[in-house]
Amino acid sequence: MLRGAARSASTMRGMRDDLDRATHTARELARRIGIDHHDVLVVLGTGLSGAGEILGADGPPFPLDTLPFFPSYGATGHHAHGWSVSIGESQVLILGGRCHLYEGLTAAEVVHPLRTGIAAGCSTVILTAAVGAIREDLTTGSVMVVDDQMNLTGRSPLRGPEYVDMVDAYLPALRQLALATPGEAAATLSSRPGVYAQVPGPQLETPAEIALLKKFGADVVGMSMALETIAARHRGADVLGLALVTNGAATPAASTELQAIAEVGAGAAPAVAAIVSHVVGSLS
């Protein structure tokens, strides 16, 4: 076998191994919690675990970090526990946090929790994330519905010739459901969807970098979500992205302390829970 062909075969085996690990984790999760199938996966961003507590109020959370192959969650505002809840006709798996590239993990490790949810049956994925605002009309505490993304990490969770169509990666029908959320949560939503840019972090962006991102067309910037969306689309899942603005990007007046960012997330948890509940409850 030619060396190039050998590398290609090894890469493809690596992709299969990544998916097999997710299937194994999903089976163990089902065994532990006694629920064989989920329909919707919700990943909660920095400080938003309170949304999981609201949605999962009828049952205690269960640990995630004891599951096989599950990565450790080390970032402030992220918790390695989850909930399984029924909303409308859907069984929903909620993850109380996520891990990140800047924690020293590979792209495959970062998206393993998401792949686990899809292996558990989830065909719809709702991703939430704390972001810095680039677009001037986005204020702290507001939620922007994501309609496109830029993966500026230089990484991909895919290996080999796994070509994935990323046009409308964030499903328009799910965006419309989110924007139609009634009640008090509607006041939190920005009426204009926008573009999410993922950078690797952990350092925050310089003013020059934000100026470049703005010129590129990014509306918000963060350190998650884009890789997860690629992995979700690779497995055929529909994706909704909700970007919670926790600070202004590279603006001296905006706090970038992690504790302050997590506190914004905690304050927005009821609105995010309401948006998720509305979207999931509207699924047929």
Protein backbone atom coordinates (compact mmCIF):
# COMPACT_ATOMS: atom_id res chain seq x y z
CA MET A 1 0.00 0.00 0.00
CA LEU A 2 1.27 3.47 -0.82
CA ARG A 3 2.15 5.62 2.16
CA GLY A 4 -0.52 8.18 1.25
CA ALA A 5 -3.17 5.47 1.04
CA ALA A 6 -2.01 4.06 4.37
CA ARG A 7 -2.38 7.45 6.03
CA SER A 8 -5.86 7.86 4.51
CA ALA A 9 -6.98 4.45 5.79
CA SER A 10 -5.60 5.25 9.25
CA THR A 11 -7.41 8.61 9.28
CA MET A 12 -10.70 6.98 8.30
CA ARG A 13 -10.27 4.39 11.05
CA GLY A 14 -9.71 7.27 13.47
CA MET A 15 -13.01 8.82 12.42
CA ARG A 16 -14.79 5.50 12.94
CA ASP A 17 -13.12 5.15 16.35
CA ASP A 18 -14.40 8.62 17.35
CA LEU A 19 -17.96 7.62 16.44
CA ASP A 20 -17.65 4.20 18.09
CA ARG A 21 -16.56 5.86 21.35
CA ALA A 22 -19.63 8.10 21.24
CA THR A 23 -21.88 5.07 20.70
CA HIS A 24 -20.27 3.30 23.64
CA THR A 25 -20.77 6.34 25.88
CA ALA A 26 -24.39 6.69 24.79
CA ARG A 27 -25.11 3.04 25.58
CA GLU A 28 -23.60 3.40 29.04
CA LEU A 29 -25.59 6.58 29.66
CA ALA A 30 -28.80 4.77 28.68
CA ARG A 31 -27.95 1.91 31.03
CA ARG A 32 -27.29 4.25 33.96
CA ILE A 33 -30.33 6.49 33.64
CA GLY A 34 -32.76 3.92 32.22
CA ILE A 35 -33.70 5.96 29.14
CA ASP A 36 -32.83 4.37 25.81
CA HIS A 37 -33.57 7.22 23.42
CA HIS A 38 -33.41 11.01 23.31
CA ASP A 39 -34.72 13.32 20.60
CA VAL A 40 -33.10 16.68 21.34
CA LEU A 41 -29.68 17.58 22.72
CA VAL A 42 -29.14 20.89 24.55
CA VAL A 43 -25.59 22.06 25.32
CA LEU A 44 -25.39 24.86 27.88
CA GLY A 45 -22.71 27.52 27.69
CA THR A 46 -20.83 29.47 30.36
CA GLY A 47 -22.99 30.20 33.41
CA LEU A 48 -26.13 28.72 31.85
CA SER A 49 -26.40 25.52 33.90
CA GLY A 50 -29.28 27.26 35.69
CA ALA A 51 -31.32 26.78 32.52
CA GLY A 52 -30.83 23.05 32.95
CA GLU A 53 -31.95 23.29 36.56
CA ILE A 54 -35.13 25.07 35.44
CA LEU A 55 -35.89 22.62 32.64
CA GLY A 56 -34.89 19.62 34.75
CA ALA A 57 -36.62 20.69 37.95
CA ASP A 58 -38.60 17.44 38.14
CA GLY A 59 -35.52 15.25 38.44
CA PRO A 60 -31.99 15.37 39.88
CA PRO A 61 -29.01 15.80 37.55
CA PHE A 62 -26.71 12.89 36.81
CA PRO A 63 -22.90 12.97 36.46
CA LEU A 64 -21.32 13.04 33.04
CA ASP A 65 -17.62 12.90 33.88
CA THR A 66 -17.83 9.30 35.08
CA LEU A 67 -19.04 8.11 31.68
CA PRO A 68 -16.47 6.27 29.52
CA PHE A 69 -14.44 8.51 27.19
CA PHE A 70 -16.13 11.65 28.56
CA PRO A 71 -13.73 14.62 28.77
CA SER A 72 -13.23 16.64 31.92
CA TYR A 73 -14.92 20.04 32.20
CA GLY A 74 -12.41 22.49 33.60
CA ALA A 75 -13.68 25.93 32.59
CA THR A 76 -15.44 28.31 34.97
CA GLY A 77 -19.22 28.23 34.59
CA HIS A 78 -19.36 24.71 33.11
CA HIS A 79 -20.65 21.69 35.03
CA ALA A 80 -20.21 18.01 34.16
CA HIS A 81 -23.75 16.95 34.90
CA GLY A 82 -26.84 16.50 32.80
CA TRP A 83 -30.59 16.07 32.85
CA SER A 84 -33.04 13.97 30.88
CA VAL A 85 -36.40 15.73 30.64
CA SER A 86 -39.60 15.44 28.67
CA ILE A 87 -40.74 18.58 26.82
CA GLY A 88 -43.82 18.23 24.66
CA GLU A 89 -43.37 15.05 22.63
CA SER A 90 -39.57 15.10 22.90
CA GLN A 91 -37.13 13.51 25.33
CA VAL A 92 -34.38 16.04 25.86
CA LEU A 93 -30.80 15.41 26.96
CA ILE A 94 -29.31 18.54 28.58
CA LEU A 95 -25.59 18.95 29.19
CA GLY A 96 -24.70 21.44 31.92
CA GLY A 97 -21.55 22.64 30.18
CA ARG A 98 -18.90 21.83 27.60
CA CYS A 99 -15.15 21.55 27.20
CA HIS A 100 -12.92 23.64 24.94
CA LEU A 101 -9.85 23.46 22.76
CA TYR A 102 -7.99 25.79 25.10
CA GLU A 103 -8.18 23.15 27.84
CA GLY A 104 -5.63 21.15 25.88
CA LEU A 105 -8.14 18.82 24.22
CA THR A 106 -8.33 17.70 20.62
CA ALA A 107 -11.25 18.71 18.41
CA ALA A 108 -12.55 15.11 18.61
CA GLU A 109 -12.52 15.24 22.42
CA VAL A 110 -14.30 18.60 22.44
CA VAL A 111 -17.19 17.27 20.34
CA HIS A 112 -17.42 13.86 22.04
CA PRO A 113 -20.31 14.95 24.33
CA LEU A 114 -22.23 16.21 21.30
CA ARG A 115 -21.56 13.01 19.38
CA THR A 116 -22.73 11.06 22.41
CA GLY A 117 -26.05 12.91 22.33
CA ILE A 118 -26.49 12.17 18.66
CA ALA A 119 -25.58 8.52 19.24
CA ALA A 120 -28.31 8.53 21.92
CA GLY A 121 -30.83 9.38 19.20
CA CYS A 122 -30.86 13.18 19.14
CA SER A 123 -31.69 14.50 15.66
CA THR A 124 -32.01 18.11 16.84
CA VAL A 125 -29.22 19.97 18.65
CA ILE A 126 -29.56 23.28 20.49
CA LEU A 127 -26.21 24.89 21.23
CA THR A 128 -25.89 27.82 23.61
CA ALA A 129 -22.74 29.84 24.25
CA ALA A 130 -21.50 32.96 26.00
CA VAL A 131 -20.09 35.43 23.47
CA GLY A 132 -18.54 38.82 23.10
CA ALA A 133 -20.57 41.26 21.00
CA ILE A 134 -19.04 42.76 17.88
CA ARG A 135 -22.25 44.11 16.37
CA GLU A 136 -23.09 47.37 18.07
CA ASP A 137 -26.81 46.75 18.66
CA LEU A 138 -26.15 43.65 20.77
CA THR A 139 -26.27 44.44 24.47
CA THR A 140 -25.12 42.45 27.49
CA GLY A 141 -27.75 39.89 28.44
CA SER A 142 -29.31 39.71 24.98
CA VAL A 143 -29.53 36.49 22.97
CA MET A 144 -28.65 36.41 19.28
CA VAL A 145 -29.93 33.54 17.14
CA VAL A 146 -27.04 32.28 15.03
CA ASP A 147 -27.57 32.00 11.28
CA ASP A 148 -24.00 31.29 10.15
CA GLN A 149 -20.53 30.71 11.52
CA MET A 150 -16.80 31.13 10.98
CA ASN A 151 -14.51 28.40 12.25
CA LEU A 152 -11.28 30.30 12.87
CA THR A 153 -9.68 27.66 15.10
CA GLY A 154 -7.67 25.96 12.37
CA ARG A 155 -9.16 22.66 13.58
CA SER A 156 -11.95 20.32 12.54
CA PRO A 157 -13.56 17.41 14.40
CA LEU A 158 -13.65 15.50 11.10
CA ARG A 159 -10.91 13.25 9.75
CA GLY A 160 -10.28 12.29 6.17
CA PRO A 161 -12.60 12.98 3.21
CA GLU A 162 -15.67 13.70 5.37
CA TYR A 163 -17.13 16.50 3.26
CA VAL A 164 -20.07 18.20 4.94
CA ASP A 165 -22.36 20.82 3.40
CA MET A 166 -22.38 23.78 5.79
CA VAL A 167 -24.91 25.96 3.93
CA ASP A 168 -27.78 26.61 6.36
CA ALA A 169 -25.87 24.67 9.01
CA TYR A 170 -28.15 26.44 11.50
CA LEU A 171 -31.58 25.31 10.33
CA PRO A 172 -33.78 28.26 9.26
CA ALA A 173 -36.94 26.61 10.61
CA LEU A 174 -35.39 26.31 14.08
CA ARG A 175 -34.25 29.93 13.93
CA GLN A 176 -37.80 31.02 13.19
CA LEU A 177 -39.14 28.99 16.11
CA ALA A 178 -36.64 30.61 18.46
CA LEU A 179 -37.47 34.12 17.26
CA ALA A 180 -41.18 33.40 17.83
CA THR A 181 -40.66 32.71 21.55
CA PRO A 182 -43.49 34.47 23.45
CA GLY A 183 -43.54 36.13 26.85
CA GLU A 184 -40.77 37.85 28.77
CA ALA A 185 -38.03 35.86 27.01
CA ALA A 186 -38.94 37.58 23.74
CA ALA A 187 -37.50 40.82 25.09
CA THR A 188 -34.13 39.10 25.48
CA LEU A 189 -33.94 37.99 21.85
CA SER A 190 -32.29 40.17 19.24
CA SER A 191 -34.59 40.40 16.24
CA ARG A 192 -31.59 40.12 13.91
CA PRO A 193 -29.82 36.75 13.61
CA GLY A 194 -26.10 36.90 13.02
CA VAL A 195 -22.74 35.26 12.44
CA TYR A 196 -20.81 33.48 15.19
CA ALA A 197 -17.01 33.35 14.93
CA GLN A 198 -15.11 30.74 16.94
CA VAL A 199 -11.53 31.44 17.94
CA PRO A 200 -9.34 28.99 19.87
CA GLY A 201 -8.67 31.12 22.97
CA PRO A 202 -8.06 31.17 25.86
CA GLN A 203 -6.78 34.73 25.46
CA LEU A 204 -9.47 37.26 24.66
CA GLU A 205 -9.35 39.15 21.39
CA THR A 206 -7.33 42.30 20.78
CA PRO A 207 -9.04 45.42 19.40
CA ALA A 208 -7.24 44.81 16.10
CA GLU A 209 -8.57 41.26 15.96
CA ILE A 210 -12.10 42.44 16.65
CA ALA A 211 -11.78 45.06 13.90
CA LEU A 212 -10.72 42.28 11.52
CA LEU A 213 -13.59 40.00 12.60
CA LYS A 214 -16.03 42.86 12.09
CA LYS A 215 -14.67 43.43 8.58
CA PHE A 216 -15.05 39.70 7.90
CA GLY A 217 -18.73 39.93 8.87
CA ALA A 218 -18.77 38.37 12.35
CA ASP A 219 -21.41 39.65 14.78
CA VAL A 220 -20.25 37.80 17.91
CA VAL A 221 -17.13 35.89 18.93
CA GLY A 222 -16.62 32.93 21.23
CA MET A 223 -14.54 29.81 21.89
CA SER A 224 -17.07 27.04 21.23
CA MET A 225 -20.08 26.05 19.09
CA ALA A 226 -18.57 26.06 15.58
CA LEU A 227 -16.76 22.74 15.97
CA GLU A 228 -19.85 21.21 17.55
CA THR A 229 -21.98 22.41 14.65
CA ILE A 230 -19.63 20.80 12.15
CA ALA A 231 -19.81 17.52 14.06
CA ALA A 232 -23.60 17.72 14.31
CA ARG A 233 -24.06 18.37 10.60
CA HIS A 234 -21.69 15.51 9.81
CA ARG A 235 -24.12 13.20 11.61
CA GLY A 236 -27.18 14.75 9.97
CA ALA A 237 -28.57 16.57 13.03
CA ASP A 238 -30.41 19.89 12.74
CA VAL A 239 -28.80 22.73 14.70
CA LEU A 240 -30.04 25.83 16.51
CA GLY A 241 -27.45 28.23 17.90
CA LEU A 242 -28.21 30.69 20.71
CA ALA A 243 -25.46 33.19 21.50
CA LEU A 244 -25.78 34.92 24.88
CA VAL A 245 -23.96 38.26 24.92
CA THR A 246 -22.00 38.46 28.18
CA ASN A 247 -19.65 41.31 27.31
CA GLY A 248 -18.58 43.65 24.55
CA ALA A 249 -15.67 42.27 22.55
CA ALA A 250 -12.41 44.16 23.23
CA THR A 251 -14.12 47.16 24.80
CA PRO A 252 -12.51 48.67 27.94
CA ALA A 253 -15.89 49.41 29.54
CA ALA A 254 -17.05 45.80 29.39
CA SER A 255 -16.06 43.32 32.09
CA THR A 256 -14.23 40.25 30.83
CA GLU A 257 -13.77 38.61 34.23
CA LEU A 258 -14.91 35.00 34.02
CA GLN A 259 -16.99 35.34 37.18
CA ALA A 260 -18.82 38.36 35.76
CA ILE A 261 -19.45 36.51 32.50
CA ALA A 262 -20.82 33.53 34.42
CA GLU A 263 -23.09 35.85 36.41
CA VAL A 264 -24.58 37.23 33.18
CA GLY A 265 -25.23 33.64 32.15
CA ALA A 266 -26.93 32.89 35.44
CA GLY A 267 -29.16 35.93 35.05
CA ALA A 268 -30.13 34.92 31.52
CA ALA A 269 -30.84 31.29 32.44
CA PRO A 270 -34.64 31.72 32.75
CA ALA A 271 -34.89 33.38 29.32
CA VAL A 272 -32.70 30.73 27.69
CA ALA A 273 -34.76 27.99 29.35
CA ALA A 274 -37.94 29.60 28.00
CA ILE A 275 -36.53 29.79 24.46
CA VAL A 276 -35.41 26.16 24.56
CA SER A 277 -38.75 25.04 25.99
CA HIS A 278 -40.66 26.92 23.29
CA VAL A 279 -38.55 25.54 20.45
CA VAL A 280 -38.62 21.94 21.68
CA GLY A 281 -42.31 22.13 22.52
CA SER A 282 -43.01 23.33 18.99
CA LEU A 283 -41.32 20.34 17.35
CA SER A 284 -43.72 17.81 15.88
